[in-house]
């Protein structure tokens, strides 16, 4: 899923410390700077392919609004994959999920 249009415009027109405090749009002047911009943009875009899974208790009769998850998992996966496949990959991903709060039982 690409970044929303307003974020893409902000990306191109905002100074970035990672680009020596220059605006990405200014890096379109020559091939060398364009390659730098492409690498930077690719790293920025990776944030829009993250899938997060929040686990809640089975009792959701009151809805999820205002409730904290027992656990959260995340992974970077191609957003063109079906949501269930991305969620399964997030749960299976190596690493440490955010644990339940102390005193909360699963």
PDB file of N, CA and C in Angstrom:
ATOM      1  N   UNK A   1       0.845  -1.165   0.000  1.00  0.00           N
ATOM      2  CA  UNK A   1       0.000   0.000   0.000  1.00  0.00           C
ATOM      3  C   UNK A   1       0.891   1.228   0.000  1.00  0.00           C
ATOM      4  N   UNK A   2       0.755   2.098  -0.964  1.00  0.00           N
ATOM      5  CA  UNK A   2       1.585   3.295  -0.985  1.00  0.00           C
ATOM      6  C   UNK A   2       1.153   4.292   0.084  1.00  0.00           C
ATOM      7  N   UNK A   3       2.054   5.209   0.374  1.00  0.00           N
ATOM      8  CA  UNK A   3       1.736   6.259   1.341  1.00  0.00           C
ATOM      9  C   UNK A   3       0.604   7.126   0.796  1.00  0.00           C
ATOM     10  N   UNK A   4      -0.224   7.663   1.681  1.00  0.00           N
ATOM     11  CA  UNK A   4      -1.288   8.566   1.229  1.00  0.00           C
ATOM     12  C   UNK A   4      -0.692   9.795   0.526  1.00  0.00           C
ATOM     13  N   UNK A   5      -1.425  10.400  -0.415  1.00  0.00           N
ATOM     14  CA  UNK A   5      -0.896  11.525  -1.191  1.00  0.00           C
ATOM     15  C   UNK A   5      -0.362  12.676  -0.346  1.00  0.00           C
ATOM     16  N   UNK A   6      -1.053  13.024   0.739  1.00  0.00           N
ATOM     17  CA  UNK A   6      -0.580  14.146   1.555  1.00  0.00           C
ATOM     18  C   UNK A   6       0.768  13.842   2.214  1.00  0.00           C
ATOM     19  N   UNK A   7       1.013  12.577   2.546  1.00  0.00           N
ATOM     20  CA  UNK A   7       2.313  12.210   3.116  1.00  0.00           C
ATOM     21  C   UNK A   7       3.403  12.202   2.048  1.00  0.00           C
ATOM     22  N   UNK A   8       3.050  11.831   0.832  1.00  0.00           N
ATOM     23  CA  UNK A   8       4.044  11.846  -0.252  1.00  0.00           C
ATOM     24  C   UNK A   8       4.481  13.264  -0.556  1.00  0.00           C
ATOM     25  N   UNK A   9       3.546  14.202  -0.578  1.00  0.00           N
ATOM     26  CA  UNK A   9       3.894  15.602  -0.817  1.00  0.00           C
ATOM     27  C   UNK A   9       4.754  16.126   0.319  1.00  0.00           C
ATOM     28  N   UNK A  10       4.384  15.805   1.545  1.00  0.00           N
ATOM     29  CA  UNK A  10       5.173  16.226   2.704  1.00  0.00           C
ATOM     30  C   UNK A  10       6.576  15.639   2.631  1.00  0.00           C
ATOM     31  N   UNK A  11       6.686  14.384   2.228  1.00  0.00           N
ATOM     32  CA  UNK A  11       7.996  13.741   2.083  1.00  0.00           C
ATOM     33  C   UNK A  11       8.878  14.510   1.103  1.00  0.00           C
ATOM     34  N   UNK A  12       8.324  14.890  -0.039  1.00  0.00           N
ATOM     35  CA  UNK A  12       9.108  15.569  -1.073  1.00  0.00           C
ATOM     36  C   UNK A  12       9.481  17.005  -0.723  1.00  0.00           C
ATOM     37  N   UNK A  13       8.684  17.661   0.107  1.00  0.00           N
ATOM     38  CA  UNK A  13       8.892  19.093   0.341  1.00  0.00           C
ATOM     39  C   UNK A  13       9.374  19.443   1.742  1.00  0.00           C
ATOM     40  N   UNK A  14       9.739  18.453   2.549  1.00  0.00           N
ATOM     41  CA  UNK A  14      10.239  18.703   3.906  1.00  0.00           C
ATOM     42  C   UNK A  14      11.727  18.399   3.991  1.00  0.00           C
ATOM     43  N   UNK A  15      12.456  19.261   4.683  1.00  0.00           N
ATOM     44  CA  UNK A  15      13.885  19.012   4.897  1.00  0.00           C
ATOM     45  C   UNK A  15      14.058  17.744   5.726  1.00  0.00           C
ATOM     46  N   UNK A  16      15.114  17.016   5.420  1.00  0.00           N
ATOM     47  CA  UNK A  16      15.393  15.774   6.135  1.00  0.00           C
ATOM     48  C   UNK A  16      16.840  15.754   6.604  1.00  0.00           C
ATOM     49  N   UNK A  17      17.024  15.457   7.881  1.00  0.00           N
ATOM     50  CA  UNK A  17      18.374  15.342   8.427  1.00  0.00           C
ATOM     51  C   UNK A  17      19.162  14.224   7.759  1.00  0.00           C
ATOM     52  N   UNK A  18      18.473  13.175   7.362  1.00  0.00           N
ATOM     53  CA  UNK A  18      19.142  12.051   6.693  1.00  0.00           C
ATOM     54  C   UNK A  18      19.663  12.441   5.309  1.00  0.00           C
ATOM     55  N   UNK A  19      19.147  13.537   4.768  1.00  0.00           N
ATOM     56  CA  UNK A  19      19.588  14.013   3.450  1.00  0.00           C
ATOM     57  C   UNK A  19      20.353  15.334   3.590  1.00  0.00           C
ATOM     58  N   UNK A  20      21.072  15.458   4.699  1.00  0.00           N
ATOM     59  CA  UNK A  20      21.872  16.657   4.977  1.00  0.00           C
ATOM     60  C   UNK A  20      21.001  17.907   4.994  1.00  0.00           C
ATOM     61  N   UNK A  21      19.838  17.777   5.605  1.00  0.00           N
ATOM     62  CA  UNK A  21      18.888  18.870   5.778  1.00  0.00           C
ATOM     63  C   UNK A  21      18.400  19.471   4.461  1.00  0.00           C
ATOM     64  N   UNK A  22      18.321  18.637   3.432  1.00  0.00           N
ATOM     65  CA  UNK A  22      17.795  19.082   2.131  1.00  0.00           C
ATOM     66  C   UNK A  22      16.412  18.490   1.922  1.00  0.00           C
ATOM     67  N   UNK A  23      15.675  19.089   1.005  1.00  0.00           N
ATOM     68  CA  UNK A  23      14.370  18.547   0.634  1.00  0.00           C
ATOM     69  C   UNK A  23      14.579  17.479  -0.442  1.00  0.00           C
ATOM     70  N   UNK A  24      13.879  16.359  -0.346  1.00  0.00           N
ATOM     71  CA  UNK A  24      14.018  15.314  -1.367  1.00  0.00           C
ATOM     72  C   UNK A  24      13.788  15.821  -2.787  1.00  0.00           C
ATOM     73  N   UNK A  25      12.867  16.751  -2.969  1.00  0.00           N
ATOM     74  CA  UNK A  25      12.590  17.240  -4.321  1.00  0.00           C
ATOM     75  C   UNK A  25      13.821  17.914  -4.940  1.00  0.00           C
ATOM     76  N   UNK A  26      14.695  18.460  -4.098  1.00  0.00           N
ATOM     77  CA  UNK A  26      15.923  19.093  -4.599  1.00  0.00           C
ATOM     78  C   UNK A  26      16.934  18.075  -5.124  1.00  0.00           C
ATOM     79  N   UNK A  27      16.757  16.803  -4.756  1.00  0.00           N
ATOM     80  CA  UNK A  27      17.702  15.770  -5.186  1.00  0.00           C
ATOM     81  C   UNK A  27      17.385  15.233  -6.580  1.00  0.00           C
ATOM     82  N   UNK A  28      16.415  15.815  -7.229  1.00  0.00           N
ATOM     83  CA  UNK A  28      16.060  15.368  -8.581  1.00  0.00           C
ATOM     84  C   UNK A  28      16.906  16.058  -9.648  1.00  0.00           C
ATOM     85  N   UNK A  29      17.894  16.841  -9.233  1.00  0.00           N
ATOM     86  CA  UNK A  29      18.685  17.651 -10.170  1.00  0.00           C
ATOM     87  C   UNK A  29      19.648  16.842 -11.028  1.00  0.00           C
ATOM     88  N   UNK A  30      20.241  15.803 -10.454  1.00  0.00           N
ATOM     89  CA  UNK A  30      21.192  15.010 -11.242  1.00  0.00           C
ATOM     90  C   UNK A  30      21.080  13.533 -10.874  1.00  0.00           C
ATOM     91  N   UNK A  31      21.704  12.688 -11.676  1.00  0.00           N
ATOM     92  CA  UNK A  31      21.565  11.235 -11.506  1.00  0.00           C
ATOM     93  C   UNK A  31      22.088  10.737 -10.165  1.00  0.00           C
ATOM     94  N   UNK A  32      23.238  11.260  -9.715  1.00  0.00           N
ATOM     95  CA  UNK A  32      23.824  10.787  -8.457  1.00  0.00           C
ATOM     96  C   UNK A  32      22.896  11.080  -7.279  1.00  0.00           C
ATOM     97  N   UNK A  33      22.393  12.303  -7.218  1.00  0.00           N
ATOM     98  CA  UNK A  33      21.491  12.663  -6.126  1.00  0.00           C
ATOM     99  C   UNK A  33      20.153  11.934  -6.249  1.00  0.00           C
ATOM    100  N   UNK A  34      19.724  11.681  -7.468  1.00  0.00           N
ATOM    101  CA  UNK A  34      18.482  10.932  -7.687  1.00  0.00           C
ATOM    102  C   UNK A  34      18.607   9.523  -7.112  1.00  0.00           C
ATOM    103  N   UNK A  35      19.762   8.879  -7.311  1.00  0.00           N
ATOM    104  CA  UNK A  35      19.972   7.533  -6.757  1.00  0.00           C
ATOM    105  C   UNK A  35      19.935   7.570  -5.229  1.00  0.00           C
ATOM    106  N   UNK A  36      20.503   8.620  -4.651  1.00  0.00           N
ATOM    107  CA  UNK A  36      20.447   8.794  -3.195  1.00  0.00           C
ATOM    108  C   UNK A  36      18.998   8.916  -2.739  1.00  0.00           C
ATOM    109  N   UNK A  37      18.235   9.720  -3.473  1.00  0.00           N
ATOM    110  CA  UNK A  37      16.824   9.920  -3.149  1.00  0.00           C
ATOM    111  C   UNK A  37      16.041   8.615  -3.261  1.00  0.00           C
ATOM    112  N   UNK A  38      16.294   7.827  -4.287  1.00  0.00           N
ATOM    113  CA  UNK A  38      15.579   6.548  -4.454  1.00  0.00           C
ATOM    114  C   UNK A  38      15.819   5.617  -3.277  1.00  0.00           C
ATOM    115  N   UNK A  39      17.081   5.534  -2.820  1.00  0.00           N
ATOM    116  CA  UNK A  39      17.399   4.672  -1.676  1.00  0.00           C
ATOM    117  C   UNK A  39      16.689   5.177  -0.417  1.00  0.00           C
ATOM    118  N   UNK A  40      16.682   6.486  -0.225  1.00  0.00           N
ATOM    119  CA  UNK A  40      16.020   7.082   0.936  1.00  0.00           C
ATOM    120  C   UNK A  40      14.510   6.834   0.870  1.00  0.00           C
ATOM    121  N   UNK A  41      13.926   7.045  -0.292  1.00  0.00           N
ATOM    122  CA  UNK A  41      12.484   6.859  -0.468  1.00  0.00           C
ATOM    123  C   UNK A  41      12.087   5.394  -0.247  1.00  0.00           C
ATOM    124  N   UNK A  42      12.931   4.477  -0.696  1.00  0.00           N
ATOM    125  CA  UNK A  42      12.639   3.053  -0.499  1.00  0.00           C
ATOM    126  C   UNK A  42      12.595   2.717   0.986  1.00  0.00           C
ATOM    127  N   UNK A  43      13.543   3.269   1.743  1.00  0.00           N
ATOM    128  CA  UNK A  43      13.563   3.031   3.185  1.00  0.00           C
ATOM    129  C   UNK A  43      12.327   3.638   3.846  1.00  0.00           C
ATOM    130  N   UNK A  44      11.938   4.824   3.419  1.00  0.00           N
ATOM    131  CA  UNK A  44      10.747   5.473   3.973  1.00  0.00           C
ATOM    132  C   UNK A  44       9.489   4.671   3.635  1.00  0.00           C
ATOM    133  N   UNK A  45       9.400   4.181   2.418  1.00  0.00           N
ATOM    134  CA  UNK A  45       8.214   3.459   1.967  1.00  0.00           C
ATOM    135  C   UNK A  45       8.041   2.126   2.687  1.00  0.00           C
ATOM    136  N   UNK A  46       9.133   1.565   3.191  1.00  0.00           N
ATOM    137  CA  UNK A  46       9.020   0.273   3.873  1.00  0.00           C
ATOM    138  C   UNK A  46       8.100   0.362   5.082  1.00  0.00           C
ATOM    139  N   UNK A  47       7.973   1.541   5.649  1.00  0.00           N
ATOM    140  CA  UNK A  47       7.085   1.717   6.787  1.00  0.00           C
ATOM    141  C   UNK A  47       5.626   1.528   6.440  1.00  0.00           C
ATOM    142  N   UNK A  48       5.278   1.597   5.171  1.00  0.00           N
ATOM    143  CA  UNK A  48       3.892   1.441   4.763  1.00  0.00           C
ATOM    144  C   UNK A  48       3.576   0.004   4.386  1.00  0.00           C
ATOM    145  N   UNK A  49       4.517  -0.906   4.587  1.00  0.00           N
ATOM    146  CA  UNK A  49       4.242  -2.309   4.309  1.00  0.00           C
ATOM    147  C   UNK A  49       4.283  -3.139   5.589  1.00  0.00           C
ATOM    148  N   UNK A  50       4.264  -2.477   6.717  1.00  0.00           N
ATOM    149  CA  UNK A  50       4.260  -3.205   7.986  1.00  0.00           C
ATOM    150  C   UNK A  50       2.843  -3.660   8.312  1.00  0.00           C
ATOM    151  N   UNK A  51       2.753  -4.875   8.828  1.00  0.00           N
ATOM    152  CA  UNK A  51       1.487  -5.424   9.271  1.00  0.00           C
ATOM    153  C   UNK A  51       1.571  -5.636  10.772  1.00  0.00           C
ATOM    154  N   UNK A  52       0.610  -5.103  11.504  1.00  0.00           N
ATOM    155  CA  UNK A  52       0.554  -5.259  12.952  1.00  0.00           C
ATOM    156  C   UNK A  52      -0.634  -6.137  13.307  1.00  0.00           C
ATOM    157  N   UNK A  53      -0.439  -6.982  14.325  1.00  0.00           N
ATOM    158  CA  UNK A  53      -1.517  -7.829  14.831  1.00  0.00           C
ATOM    159  C   UNK A  53      -1.622  -7.557  16.327  1.00  0.00           C
ATOM    160  N   UNK A  54      -2.811  -7.184  16.767  1.00  0.00           N
ATOM    161  CA  UNK A  54      -3.084  -6.978  18.189  1.00  0.00           C
ATOM    162  C   UNK A  54      -3.948  -8.131  18.679  1.00  0.00           C
ATOM    163  N   UNK A  55      -3.563  -8.735  19.809  1.00  0.00           N
ATOM    164  CA  UNK A  55      -4.336  -9.833  20.394  1.00  0.00           C
ATOM    165  C   UNK A  55      -5.076  -9.308  21.622  1.00  0.00           C
ATOM    166  N   UNK A  56      -6.381  -9.579  21.673  1.00  0.00           N
ATOM    167  CA  UNK A  56      -7.228  -9.161  22.785  1.00  0.00           C
ATOM    168  C   UNK A  56      -7.804 -10.382  23.464  1.00  0.00           C
ATOM    169  N   UNK A  57      -8.376 -10.210  24.641  1.00  0.00           N
ATOM    170  CA  UNK A  57      -9.054 -11.315  25.314  1.00  0.00           C
ATOM    171  C   UNK A  57     -10.269 -11.717  24.484  1.00  0.00           C
ATOM    172  N   UNK A  58     -10.754 -12.920  24.731  1.00  0.00           N
ATOM    173  CA  UNK A  58     -11.866 -13.446  23.931  1.00  0.00           C
ATOM    174  C   UNK A  58     -13.173 -12.700  24.203  1.00  0.00           C
ATOM    175  N   UNK A  59     -13.320 -12.074  25.349  1.00  0.00           N
ATOM    176  CA  UNK A  59     -14.555 -11.367  25.679  1.00  0.00           C
ATOM    177  C   UNK A  59     -14.525  -9.968  25.053  1.00  0.00           C
ATOM    178  N   UNK A  60     -15.148  -9.853  23.902  1.00  0.00           N
ATOM    179  CA  UNK A  60     -15.185  -8.563  23.211  1.00  0.00           C
ATOM    180  C   UNK A  60     -16.622  -8.062  23.090  1.00  0.00           C
ATOM    181  N   UNK A  61     -17.479  -8.520  23.993  1.00  0.00           N
ATOM    182  CA  UNK A  61     -18.891  -8.133  23.925  1.00  0.00           C
ATOM    183  C   UNK A  61     -19.072  -6.623  24.066  1.00  0.00           C
ATOM    184  N   UNK A  62     -18.126  -5.962  24.728  1.00  0.00           N
ATOM    185  CA  UNK A  62     -18.209  -4.515  24.906  1.00  0.00           C
ATOM    186  C   UNK A  62     -17.464  -3.771  23.803  1.00  0.00           C
ATOM    187  N   UNK A  63     -16.902  -4.481  22.853  1.00  0.00           N
ATOM    188  CA  UNK A  63     -16.142  -3.838  21.781  1.00  0.00           C
ATOM    189  C   UNK A  63     -14.690  -3.607  22.182  1.00  0.00           C
ATOM    190  N   UNK A  64     -13.896  -3.145  21.238  1.00  0.00           N
ATOM    191  CA  UNK A  64     -12.463  -2.971  21.478  1.00  0.00           C
ATOM    192  C   UNK A  64     -12.075  -1.525  21.796  1.00  0.00           C
ATOM    193  N   UNK A  65     -12.990  -0.600  21.646  1.00  0.00           N
ATOM    194  CA  UNK A  65     -12.677   0.814  21.878  1.00  0.00           C
ATOM    195  C   UNK A  65     -12.164   1.017  23.300  1.00  0.00           C
ATOM    196  N   UNK A  66     -10.987   1.596  23.401  1.00  0.00           N
ATOM    197  CA  UNK A  66     -10.408   1.898  24.704  1.00  0.00           C
ATOM    198  C   UNK A  66      -9.724   0.733  25.393  1.00  0.00           C
ATOM    199  N   UNK A  67      -9.748  -0.448  24.796  1.00  0.00           N
ATOM    200  CA  UNK A  67      -9.113  -1.613  25.424  1.00  0.00           C
ATOM    201  C   UNK A  67      -7.681  -1.751  24.936  1.00  0.00           C
ATOM    202  N   UNK A  68      -6.827  -2.184  25.812  1.00  0.00           N
ATOM    203  CA  UNK A  68      -5.426  -2.399  25.451  1.00  0.00           C
ATOM    204  C   UNK A  68      -5.233  -3.853  25.028  1.00  0.00           C
ATOM    205  N   UNK A  69      -4.431  -4.094  23.972  1.00  0.00           N
ATOM    206  CA  UNK A  69      -4.197  -5.481  23.551  1.00  0.00           C
ATOM    207  C   UNK A  69      -3.328  -6.229  24.555  1.00  0.00           C
ATOM    208  N   UNK A  70      -3.504  -7.540  24.590  1.00  0.00           N
ATOM    209  CA  UNK A  70      -2.652  -8.383  25.426  1.00  0.00           C
ATOM    210  C   UNK A  70      -1.257  -8.480  24.830  1.00  0.00           C
ATOM    211  N   UNK A  71      -1.182  -8.463  23.500  1.00  0.00           N
ATOM    212  CA  UNK A  71       0.087  -8.623  22.802  1.00  0.00           C
ATOM    213  C   UNK A  71      -0.014  -7.966  21.428  1.00  0.00           C
ATOM    214  N   UNK A  72       1.130  -7.487  20.927  1.00  0.00           N
ATOM    215  CA  UNK A  72       1.193  -6.898  19.593  1.00  0.00           C
ATOM    216  C   UNK A  72       2.382  -7.494  18.852  1.00  0.00           C
ATOM    217  N   UNK A  73       2.175  -7.898  17.612  1.00  0.00           N
ATOM    218  CA  UNK A  73       3.237  -8.434  16.758  1.00  0.00           C
ATOM    219  C   UNK A  73       3.262  -7.613  15.470  1.00  0.00           C
ATOM    220  N   UNK A  74       4.418  -7.584  14.811  1.00  0.00           N
ATOM    221  CA  UNK A  74       4.524  -6.833  13.559  1.00  0.00           C
ATOM    222  C   UNK A  74       5.554  -7.488  12.648  1.00  0.00           C
ATOM    223  N   UNK A  75       5.373  -7.280  11.354  1.00  0.00           N
ATOM    224  CA  UNK A  75       6.342  -7.741  10.368  1.00  0.00           C
ATOM    225  C   UNK A  75       6.216  -6.878   9.120  1.00  0.00           C
ATOM    226  N   UNK A  76       7.259  -6.878   8.304  1.00  0.00           N
ATOM    227  CA  UNK A  76       7.200  -6.191   7.024  1.00  0.00           C
ATOM    228  C   UNK A  76       6.981  -7.244   5.950  1.00  0.00           C
ATOM    229  N   UNK A  77       5.894  -7.078   5.216  1.00  0.00           N
ATOM    230  CA  UNK A  77       5.533  -8.048   4.190  1.00  0.00           C
ATOM    231  C   UNK A  77       4.830  -7.292   3.069  1.00  0.00           C
ATOM    232  N   UNK A  78       4.912  -7.822   1.888  1.00  0.00           N
ATOM    233  CA  UNK A  78       4.303  -7.191   0.724  1.00  0.00           C
ATOM    234  C   UNK A  78       2.813  -6.962   0.971  1.00  0.00           C
ATOM    235  N   UNK A  79       2.353  -5.699   0.913  1.00  0.00           N
ATOM    236  CA  UNK A  79       0.949  -5.418   1.207  1.00  0.00           C
ATOM    237  C   UNK A  79      -0.035  -5.975   0.181  1.00  0.00           C
ATOM    238  N   UNK A  80       0.466  -6.524  -0.909  1.00  0.00           N
ATOM    239  CA  UNK A  80      -0.433  -7.134  -1.897  1.00  0.00           C
ATOM    240  C   UNK A  80      -0.882  -8.524  -1.473  1.00  0.00           C
ATOM    241  N   UNK A  81      -0.231  -9.106  -0.440  1.00  0.00           N
ATOM    242  CA  UNK A  81      -0.645 -10.413   0.075  1.00  0.00           C
ATOM    243  C   UNK A  81      -1.977 -10.246   0.803  1.00  0.00           C
ATOM    244  N   UNK A  82      -2.769 -11.310   0.877  1.00  0.00           N
ATOM    245  CA  UNK A  82      -4.048 -11.228   1.593  1.00  0.00           C
ATOM    246  C   UNK A  82      -3.822 -10.874   3.074  1.00  0.00           C
ATOM    247  N   UNK A  83      -4.747 -10.154   3.688  1.00  0.00           N
ATOM    248  CA  UNK A  83      -4.592  -9.746   5.093  1.00  0.00           C
ATOM    249  C   UNK A  83      -4.350 -10.911   6.043  1.00  0.00           C
ATOM    250  N   UNK A  84      -5.039 -12.041   5.856  1.00  0.00           N
ATOM    251  CA  UNK A  84      -4.852 -13.175   6.755  1.00  0.00           C
ATOM    252  C   UNK A  84      -3.429 -13.719   6.670  1.00  0.00           C
ATOM    253  N   UNK A  85      -2.833 -13.699   5.460  1.00  0.00           N
ATOM    254  CA  UNK A  85      -1.466 -14.201   5.295  1.00  0.00           C
ATOM    255  C   UNK A  85      -0.471 -13.255   5.966  1.00  0.00           C
ATOM    256  N   UNK A  86      -0.709 -11.938   5.836  1.00  0.00           N
ATOM    257  CA  UNK A  86       0.169 -10.962   6.479  1.00  0.00           C
ATOM    258  C   UNK A  86       0.077 -11.087   8.000  1.00  0.00           C
ATOM    259  N   UNK A  87      -1.146 -11.284   8.518  1.00  0.00           N
ATOM    260  CA  UNK A  87      -1.323 -11.430   9.962  1.00  0.00           C
ATOM    261  C   UNK A  87      -0.619 -12.679  10.480  1.00  0.00           C
ATOM    262  N   UNK A  88      -0.750 -13.786   9.757  1.00  0.00           N
ATOM    263  CA  UNK A  88      -0.087 -15.024  10.158  1.00  0.00           C
ATOM    264  C   UNK A  88       1.433 -14.843  10.168  1.00  0.00           C
ATOM    265  N   UNK A  89       1.957 -14.165   9.160  1.00  0.00           N
ATOM    266  CA  UNK A  89       3.399 -13.907   9.097  1.00  0.00           C
ATOM    267  C   UNK A  89       3.848 -13.048  10.276  1.00  0.00           C
ATOM    268  N   UNK A  90       3.042 -12.061  10.657  1.00  0.00           N
ATOM    269  CA  UNK A  90       3.387 -11.198  11.800  1.00  0.00           C
ATOM    270  C   UNK A  90       3.449 -12.011  13.087  1.00  0.00           C
ATOM    271  N   UNK A  91       2.497 -12.907  13.274  1.00  0.00           N
ATOM    272  CA  UNK A  91       2.463 -13.718  14.496  1.00  0.00           C
ATOM    273  C   UNK A  91       3.627 -14.699  14.525  1.00  0.00           C
ATOM    274  N   UNK A  92       4.015 -15.217  13.377  1.00  0.00           N
ATOM    275  CA  UNK A  92       5.109 -16.199  13.306  1.00  0.00           C
ATOM    276  C   UNK A  92       6.502 -15.550  13.249  1.00  0.00           C
ATOM    277  N   UNK A  93       6.569 -14.247  13.025  1.00  0.00           N
ATOM    278  CA  UNK A  93       7.857 -13.570  12.842  1.00  0.00           C
ATOM    279  C   UNK A  93       8.730 -13.735  14.086  1.00  0.00           C
ATOM    280  N   UNK A  94      10.039 -13.940  13.868  1.00  0.00           N
ATOM    281  CA  UNK A  94      10.933 -14.025  15.016  1.00  0.00           C
ATOM    282  C   UNK A  94      10.996 -12.673  15.721  1.00  0.00           C
ATOM    283  N   UNK A  95      11.329 -12.714  16.969  1.00  0.00           N
ATOM    284  CA  UNK A  95      11.404 -11.477  17.741  1.00  0.00           C
ATOM    285  C   UNK A  95      10.515 -11.582  18.951  1.00  0.00           C
ATOM    286  N   UNK A  96      10.431 -10.507  19.646  1.00  0.00           N
ATOM    287  CA  UNK A  96       9.649 -10.502  20.866  1.00  0.00           C
ATOM    288  C   UNK A  96       8.376  -9.699  20.673  1.00  0.00           C
ATOM    289  N   UNK A  97       7.220 -10.352  20.831  1.00  0.00           N
ATOM    290  CA  UNK A  97       5.985  -9.574  20.792  1.00  0.00           C
ATOM    291  C   UNK A  97       5.899  -8.707  22.043  1.00  0.00           C
ATOM    292  N   UNK A  98       5.157  -7.639  21.983  1.00  0.00           N
ATOM    293  CA  UNK A  98       4.941  -6.815  23.162  1.00  0.00           C
ATOM    294  C   UNK A  98       4.104  -7.644  24.117  1.00  0.00           C
ATOM    295  N   UNK A  99       4.619  -7.906  25.329  1.00  0.00           N
ATOM    296  CA  UNK A  99       3.922  -8.822  26.238  1.00  0.00           C
ATOM    297  C   UNK A  99       2.692  -8.187  26.882  1.00  0.00           C
ATOM    298  N   UNK A 100       1.878  -9.061  27.448  1.00  0.00           N
ATOM    299  CA  UNK A 100       0.722  -8.613  28.209  1.00  0.00           C
ATOM    300  C   UNK A 100       1.205  -7.859  29.446  1.00  0.00           C
ATOM    301  N   UNK A 101       0.350  -7.007  29.953  1.00  0.00           N
ATOM    302  CA  UNK A 101       0.697  -6.276  31.163  1.00  0.00           C
ATOM    303  C   UNK A 101       0.816  -7.241  32.343  1.00  0.00           C
ATOM    304  N   UNK A 102       1.629  -6.878  33.296  1.00  0.00           N
ATOM    305  CA  UNK A 102       1.830  -7.723  34.459  1.00  0.00           C
ATOM    306  C   UNK A 102       0.502  -7.914  35.187  1.00  0.00           C
ATOM    307  N   UNK A 103       0.210  -9.121  35.549  1.00  0.00           N
ATOM    308  CA  UNK A 103      -1.028  -9.425  36.251  1.00  0.00           C
ATOM    309  C   UNK A 103      -2.169  -9.799  35.317  1.00  0.00           C
ATOM    310  N   UNK A 104      -1.959  -9.663  34.016  1.00  0.00           N
ATOM    311  CA  UNK A 104      -2.993 -10.037  33.060  1.00  0.00           C
ATOM    312  C   UNK A 104      -2.737 -11.472  32.625  1.00  0.00           C
ATOM    313  N   UNK A 105      -3.750 -12.288  32.707  1.00  0.00           N
ATOM    314  CA  UNK A 105      -3.597 -13.681  32.300  1.00  0.00           C
ATOM    315  C   UNK A 105      -4.186 -13.882  30.927  1.00  0.00           C
ATOM    316  N   UNK A 106      -3.594 -14.779  30.164  1.00  0.00           N
ATOM    317  CA  UNK A 106      -4.097 -15.079  28.832  1.00  0.00           C
ATOM    318  C   UNK A 106      -5.214 -16.069  28.886  1.00  0.00           C
TER     319      UNK A 106
END
